[in-house]
Amino acid sequence: MKAVHARTPGLMCDACTEKVKAAVKDLPGVISVTAQFSRGITSVLFDENAVATSAIIDAITAAGFTVEPA
């Protein structure tokens, strides 16, 4: 298993965090997603054999959020 932690500065409220979680949680291999608007951080625990980090970043970006290295 692998984890990715990314700054997601556009997280402003609970609705934003739920949007990010919804965009990522159903990707194959994703085990858990946490998004904290108070810290502006999204963390994803995933199976690197089932999904690439780039696919997770792409899903967050497609949901309308900027992704920066944490």
N, C-alpha and C. Protein backbone atom coordinates (compact mmCIF):
# COMPACT_ATOMS: atom_id res chain seq x y z
N MET A 1 0.83 -1.17 0.00
CA MET A 1 0.00 0.00 0.00
C MET A 1 0.87 1.24 0.00
N LYS A 2 0.30 2.29 -0.52
CA LYS A 2 1.02 3.55 -0.64
C LYS A 2 0.07 4.67 -0.25
N ALA A 3 0.63 5.77 0.18
CA ALA A 3 -0.18 6.94 0.51
C ALA A 3 0.33 8.14 -0.27
N VAL A 4 -0.59 8.97 -0.68
CA VAL A 4 -0.23 10.25 -1.30
C VAL A 4 -0.90 11.35 -0.48
N HIS A 5 -0.14 12.38 -0.20
CA HIS A 5 -0.64 13.53 0.54
C HIS A 5 -0.42 14.75 -0.35
N ALA A 6 -1.47 15.50 -0.59
CA ALA A 6 -1.37 16.64 -1.49
C ALA A 6 -2.06 17.86 -0.92
N ARG A 7 -1.47 19.00 -1.16
CA ARG A 7 -2.15 20.25 -0.81
C ARG A 7 -3.24 20.46 -1.84
N THR A 8 -4.41 20.77 -1.33
CA THR A 8 -5.56 21.09 -2.19
C THR A 8 -6.12 22.41 -1.69
N PRO A 9 -5.50 23.52 -2.10
CA PRO A 9 -5.82 24.83 -1.54
C PRO A 9 -7.26 25.29 -1.77
N GLY A 10 -7.97 24.71 -2.71
CA GLY A 10 -9.34 25.13 -2.96
C GLY A 10 -10.37 24.58 -1.99
N LEU A 11 -9.95 23.75 -1.05
CA LEU A 11 -10.89 23.20 -0.08
C LEU A 11 -11.32 24.31 0.88
N MET A 12 -12.58 24.68 0.83
CA MET A 12 -13.06 25.79 1.65
C MET A 12 -14.16 25.41 2.65
N CYS A 13 -14.73 24.19 2.48
CA CYS A 13 -15.85 23.81 3.34
C CYS A 13 -16.05 22.30 3.29
N ASP A 14 -16.99 21.82 4.06
CA ASP A 14 -17.30 20.38 4.07
C ASP A 14 -17.77 19.90 2.70
N ALA A 15 -18.51 20.72 1.98
CA ALA A 15 -18.98 20.32 0.65
C ALA A 15 -17.81 20.10 -0.30
N CYS A 16 -16.78 20.92 -0.18
CA CYS A 16 -15.58 20.75 -1.00
C CYS A 16 -14.89 19.42 -0.67
N THR A 17 -14.75 19.13 0.60
CA THR A 17 -14.08 17.88 0.98
C THR A 17 -14.87 16.67 0.50
N GLU A 18 -16.18 16.75 0.57
CA GLU A 18 -17.02 15.65 0.09
C GLU A 18 -16.88 15.48 -1.43
N LYS A 19 -16.75 16.58 -2.16
CA LYS A 19 -16.58 16.52 -3.61
C LYS A 19 -15.27 15.81 -3.96
N VAL A 20 -14.20 16.14 -3.24
CA VAL A 20 -12.91 15.50 -3.48
C VAL A 20 -12.99 14.02 -3.13
N LYS A 21 -13.57 13.70 -2.00
CA LYS A 21 -13.69 12.29 -1.60
C LYS A 21 -14.48 11.50 -2.63
N ALA A 22 -15.58 12.06 -3.11
CA ALA A 22 -16.41 11.37 -4.10
C ALA A 22 -15.66 11.14 -5.40
N ALA A 23 -14.80 12.08 -5.77
CA ALA A 23 -14.05 11.96 -7.02
C ALA A 23 -13.00 10.86 -6.96
N VAL A 24 -12.50 10.56 -5.77
CA VAL A 24 -11.38 9.63 -5.62
C VAL A 24 -11.78 8.26 -5.09
N LYS A 25 -12.78 8.20 -4.23
CA LYS A 25 -13.07 6.97 -3.48
C LYS A 25 -13.42 5.76 -4.34
N ASP A 26 -13.97 5.96 -5.52
CA ASP A 26 -14.37 4.83 -6.34
C ASP A 26 -13.32 4.40 -7.36
N LEU A 27 -12.16 5.05 -7.35
CA LEU A 27 -11.09 4.59 -8.23
C LEU A 27 -10.65 3.20 -7.77
N PRO A 28 -10.34 2.32 -8.70
CA PRO A 28 -9.90 0.98 -8.27
C PRO A 28 -8.63 1.08 -7.44
N GLY A 29 -8.59 0.35 -6.35
CA GLY A 29 -7.40 0.32 -5.51
C GLY A 29 -7.37 1.35 -4.40
N VAL A 30 -8.30 2.30 -4.41
CA VAL A 30 -8.33 3.30 -3.34
C VAL A 30 -8.93 2.68 -2.09
N ILE A 31 -8.21 2.78 -0.99
CA ILE A 31 -8.65 2.19 0.27
C ILE A 31 -9.32 3.22 1.15
N SER A 32 -8.74 4.41 1.24
CA SER A 32 -9.36 5.47 2.04
C SER A 32 -8.94 6.84 1.53
N VAL A 33 -9.81 7.81 1.78
CA VAL A 33 -9.57 9.20 1.38
C VAL A 33 -9.95 10.10 2.54
N THR A 34 -9.07 11.02 2.89
CA THR A 34 -9.42 12.06 3.85
C THR A 34 -9.08 13.40 3.21
N ALA A 35 -9.96 14.34 3.37
CA ALA A 35 -9.73 15.69 2.88
C ALA A 35 -10.08 16.63 4.02
N GLN A 36 -9.15 17.51 4.35
CA GLN A 36 -9.35 18.43 5.48
C GLN A 36 -9.25 19.86 4.98
N PHE A 37 -10.39 20.55 4.96
CA PHE A 37 -10.35 21.93 4.47
C PHE A 37 -9.61 22.84 5.42
N SER A 38 -9.60 22.52 6.71
CA SER A 38 -8.89 23.37 7.67
C SER A 38 -7.38 23.37 7.43
N ARG A 39 -6.87 22.28 6.89
CA ARG A 39 -5.44 22.17 6.59
C ARG A 39 -5.15 22.27 5.10
N GLY A 40 -6.19 22.14 4.27
CA GLY A 40 -6.00 22.18 2.83
C GLY A 40 -5.21 20.99 2.32
N ILE A 41 -5.42 19.84 2.96
CA ILE A 41 -4.67 18.62 2.61
C ILE A 41 -5.64 17.48 2.28
N THR A 42 -5.31 16.75 1.23
CA THR A 42 -6.02 15.53 0.89
C THR A 42 -5.03 14.38 0.97
N SER A 43 -5.42 13.30 1.65
CA SER A 43 -4.58 12.11 1.79
C SER A 43 -5.34 10.91 1.26
N VAL A 44 -4.65 10.10 0.48
CA VAL A 44 -5.26 8.92 -0.11
C VAL A 44 -4.37 7.71 0.15
N LEU A 45 -4.94 6.67 0.71
CA LEU A 45 -4.27 5.40 0.90
C LEU A 45 -4.75 4.49 -0.22
N PHE A 46 -3.79 3.89 -0.96
CA PHE A 46 -4.21 3.11 -2.13
C PHE A 46 -3.22 1.99 -2.43
N ASP A 47 -3.69 1.05 -3.24
CA ASP A 47 -2.87 -0.06 -3.72
C ASP A 47 -2.22 0.39 -5.02
N GLU A 48 -0.90 0.58 -4.98
CA GLU A 48 -0.19 1.10 -6.15
C GLU A 48 -0.19 0.14 -7.33
N ASN A 49 -0.58 -1.12 -7.12
CA ASN A 49 -0.71 -2.07 -8.21
C ASN A 49 -2.04 -1.94 -8.94
N ALA A 50 -2.98 -1.20 -8.35
CA ALA A 50 -4.31 -1.07 -8.94
C ALA A 50 -4.59 0.32 -9.49
N VAL A 51 -3.91 1.34 -8.97
CA VAL A 51 -4.15 2.70 -9.42
C VAL A 51 -2.85 3.50 -9.30
N ALA A 52 -2.63 4.38 -10.26
CA ALA A 52 -1.44 5.22 -10.26
C ALA A 52 -1.71 6.52 -9.51
N THR A 53 -0.65 7.07 -8.92
CA THR A 53 -0.77 8.36 -8.24
C THR A 53 -1.32 9.41 -9.20
N SER A 54 -0.88 9.37 -10.44
CA SER A 54 -1.34 10.35 -11.43
C SER A 54 -2.85 10.27 -11.66
N ALA A 55 -3.44 9.09 -11.57
CA ALA A 55 -4.89 8.94 -11.73
C ALA A 55 -5.63 9.59 -10.56
N ILE A 56 -5.06 9.50 -9.38
CA ILE A 56 -5.67 10.13 -8.20
C ILE A 56 -5.61 11.64 -8.34
N ILE A 57 -4.45 12.15 -8.74
CA ILE A 57 -4.30 13.59 -8.94
C ILE A 57 -5.23 14.09 -10.04
N ASP A 58 -5.33 13.32 -11.11
CA ASP A 58 -6.24 13.70 -12.21
C ASP A 58 -7.69 13.75 -11.74
N ALA A 59 -8.09 12.82 -10.88
CA ALA A 59 -9.47 12.80 -10.38
C ALA A 59 -9.75 14.03 -9.51
N ILE A 60 -8.80 14.42 -8.68
CA ILE A 60 -8.97 15.61 -7.84
C ILE A 60 -9.04 16.86 -8.72
N THR A 61 -8.17 16.92 -9.72
CA THR A 61 -8.17 18.06 -10.63
C THR A 61 -9.48 18.13 -11.42
N ALA A 62 -9.97 16.98 -11.87
CA ALA A 62 -11.23 16.93 -12.62
C ALA A 62 -12.41 17.39 -11.77
N ALA A 63 -12.28 17.23 -10.45
CA ALA A 63 -13.34 17.68 -9.54
C ALA A 63 -13.28 19.20 -9.33
N GLY A 64 -12.26 19.84 -9.90
CA GLY A 64 -12.19 21.30 -9.85
C GLY A 64 -11.20 21.87 -8.85
N PHE A 65 -10.27 21.04 -8.38
CA PHE A 65 -9.33 21.50 -7.35
C PHE A 65 -7.90 21.44 -7.84
N THR A 66 -7.11 22.39 -7.39
CA THR A 66 -5.69 22.40 -7.69
C THR A 66 -4.99 21.43 -6.75
N VAL A 67 -3.99 20.73 -7.27
CA VAL A 67 -3.23 19.76 -6.47
C VAL A 67 -1.77 20.20 -6.48
N GLU A 68 -1.19 20.31 -5.28
CA GLU A 68 0.21 20.67 -5.12
C GLU A 68 0.87 19.65 -4.22
N PRO A 69 2.17 19.39 -4.41
CA PRO A 69 2.86 18.46 -3.51
C PRO A 69 2.76 18.94 -2.05
N ALA A 70 2.57 18.01 -1.14
CA ALA A 70 2.48 18.37 0.28
C ALA A 70 3.84 18.41 0.91
